[in-house]
Structures are given as C-alpha cells and as structure tokens.
Amino acid sequence: MLNSALTIILDEHRSLAAVTHGLRFQDWVEIAQALGTNGDPRFGAEPDHEFRSLFSRIVNLAQTPIGVGPSA
C-alpha cells in the first residue's frame, strides 16, 4: 500500500510540474478563485486524524524530493 501511495505522489508531482510550467500569475488567480469555493470531497474542511497520520508517515518514509526520509 505504501508503495502505491508513493507512486501516486510521484506521478502527481511529475504531472503537476508539467502542467504548471506554462501558467502565468493570472492563471493561478483564476485557478484559486475556481477552486476556492470547492470543499475537499473526502475530508471536508479539516482533514481527519487518520489522514494526517498517513501523510506524516509517507513524508517521513519517502526520500527527497518527495519526503524527508533516508537516502537510498
């Protein structure tokens, strides 16, 4: 499960880097306005304790640049 989560994070990191490369400041303003009214469908306004614990574990186990875990 952790391997799958790390794969998803890495894929998202690569995808977001490619997508955001050409965005201008005004693009970010429009994105923020469009997303600002949307709540998080899974967690609502406040992530629950389980998500925070899982996120912390992933960040602590993942190597840089994804997390702060030990180098290979």
C-alpha atoms as a PDB file:
ATOM      1  CA  MET A   1       0.000   0.000   0.000  1.00  0.00           C
ATOM      2  CA  LEU A   2       2.789   2.443   0.862  1.00  0.00           C
ATOM      3  CA  ASN A   3       4.487   1.694  -2.446  1.00  0.00           C
ATOM      4  CA  SER A   4       1.261   2.513  -4.302  1.00  0.00           C
ATOM      5  CA  ALA A   5       0.844   5.748  -2.365  1.00  0.00           C
ATOM      6  CA  LEU A   6       4.390   6.826  -3.155  1.00  0.00           C
ATOM      7  CA  THR A   7       3.873   6.007  -6.834  1.00  0.00           C
ATOM      8  CA  ILE A   8       0.750   8.169  -6.885  1.00  0.00           C
ATOM      9  CA  ILE A   9       2.573  11.048  -5.177  1.00  0.00           C
ATOM     10  CA  LEU A  10       5.452  10.835  -7.644  1.00  0.00           C
ATOM     11  CA  ASP A  11       3.063  10.697 -10.615  1.00  0.00           C
ATOM     12  CA  GLU A  12       1.171  13.726  -9.299  1.00  0.00           C
ATOM     13  CA  HIS A  13       4.431  15.592  -8.734  1.00  0.00           C
ATOM     14  CA  ARG A  14       5.542  14.967 -12.324  1.00  0.00           C
ATOM     15  CA  SER A  15       2.121  15.781 -13.768  1.00  0.00           C
ATOM     16  CA  LEU A  16       1.717  18.990 -11.792  1.00  0.00           C
ATOM     17  CA  ALA A  17       5.237  20.105 -12.694  1.00  0.00           C
ATOM     18  CA  ALA A  18       4.470  19.645 -16.391  1.00  0.00           C
ATOM     19  CA  VAL A  19       1.065  21.319 -16.185  1.00  0.00           C
ATOM     20  CA  THR A  20       2.164  24.299 -14.113  1.00  0.00           C
ATOM     21  CA  HIS A  21       5.258  25.083 -16.155  1.00  0.00           C
ATOM     22  CA  GLY A  22       3.434  27.450 -18.510  1.00  0.00           C
ATOM     23  CA  LEU A  23       0.961  29.059 -16.107  1.00  0.00           C
ATOM     24  CA  ARG A  24       1.041  32.809 -15.588  1.00  0.00           C
ATOM     25  CA  PHE A  25       0.167  34.673 -12.388  1.00  0.00           C
ATOM     26  CA  GLN A  26      -3.320  35.464 -13.704  1.00  0.00           C
ATOM     27  CA  ASP A  27      -3.852  31.759 -14.426  1.00  0.00           C
ATOM     28  CA  TRP A  28      -3.104  30.985 -10.768  1.00  0.00           C
ATOM     29  CA  VAL A  29      -5.537  33.685  -9.635  1.00  0.00           C
ATOM     30  CA  GLU A  30      -8.289  32.162 -11.761  1.00  0.00           C
ATOM     31  CA  ILE A  31      -7.500  28.656 -10.534  1.00  0.00           C
ATOM     32  CA  ALA A  32      -7.575  29.792  -6.906  1.00  0.00           C
ATOM     33  CA  GLN A  33     -10.918  31.529  -7.431  1.00  0.00           C
ATOM     34  CA  ALA A  34     -12.422  28.484  -9.135  1.00  0.00           C
ATOM     35  CA  LEU A  35     -11.184  26.032  -6.508  1.00  0.00           C
ATOM     36  CA  GLY A  36     -11.684  28.293  -3.515  1.00  0.00           C
ATOM     37  CA  THR A  37     -15.381  27.526  -3.267  1.00  0.00           C
ATOM     38  CA  ASN A  38     -14.909  23.763  -3.608  1.00  0.00           C
ATOM     39  CA  GLY A  39     -14.528  21.772  -0.449  1.00  0.00           C
ATOM     40  CA  ASP A  40     -12.425  18.652  -0.203  1.00  0.00           C
ATOM     41  CA  PRO A  41     -14.857  15.847  -1.082  1.00  0.00           C
ATOM     42  CA  ARG A  42     -13.123  13.280   1.141  1.00  0.00           C
ATOM     43  CA  PHE A  43     -12.008  15.207   4.169  1.00  0.00           C
ATOM     44  CA  GLY A  44     -14.113  18.344   4.317  1.00  0.00           C
ATOM     45  CA  ALA A  45     -12.602  21.493   5.735  1.00  0.00           C
ATOM     46  CA  GLU A  46     -10.391  19.677   8.266  1.00  0.00           C
ATOM     47  CA  PRO A  47      -8.501  16.504   7.380  1.00  0.00           C
ATOM     48  CA  ASP A  48      -9.196  13.790   9.898  1.00  0.00           C
ATOM     49  CA  HIS A  49      -6.568  12.315  12.210  1.00  0.00           C
ATOM     50  CA  GLU A  50      -6.132   9.177  10.086  1.00  0.00           C
ATOM     51  CA  PHE A  51      -5.191  11.191   7.007  1.00  0.00           C
ATOM     52  CA  ARG A  52      -2.745  13.378   8.925  1.00  0.00           C
ATOM     53  CA  SER A  53      -1.046  10.304  10.392  1.00  0.00           C
ATOM     54  CA  LEU A  54      -0.782   8.612   6.998  1.00  0.00           C
ATOM     55  CA  PHE A  55       0.534  11.760   5.338  1.00  0.00           C
ATOM     56  CA  SER A  56       3.180  12.202   8.050  1.00  0.00           C
ATOM     57  CA  ARG A  57       4.258   8.592   7.684  1.00  0.00           C
ATOM     58  CA  ILE A  58       4.580   8.882   3.894  1.00  0.00           C
ATOM     59  CA  VAL A  59       6.579  12.101   4.117  1.00  0.00           C
ATOM     60  CA  ASN A  60       8.899  10.625   6.737  1.00  0.00           C
ATOM     61  CA  LEU A  61       9.493   7.422   4.753  1.00  0.00           C
ATOM     62  CA  ALA A  62       9.780   8.918   1.262  1.00  0.00           C
ATOM     63  CA  GLN A  63      13.167  10.024   0.034  1.00  0.00           C
ATOM     64  CA  THR A  64      13.772  13.574  -1.136  1.00  0.00           C
ATOM     65  CA  PRO A  65      12.483  15.393  -3.145  1.00  0.00           C
ATOM     66  CA  ILE A  66       9.125  13.802  -2.226  1.00  0.00           C
ATOM     67  CA  GLY A  67       9.717  13.407   1.513  1.00  0.00           C
ATOM     68  CA  VAL A  68      12.325  13.707   4.224  1.00  0.00           C
ATOM     69  CA  GLY A  69      13.180  10.020   4.636  1.00  0.00           C
ATOM     70  CA  PRO A  70      16.636   8.456   4.497  1.00  0.00           C
ATOM     71  CA  SER A  71      18.581   8.410   1.248  1.00  0.00           C
ATOM     72  CA  ALA A  72      18.920   5.164  -0.664  1.00  0.00           C
END
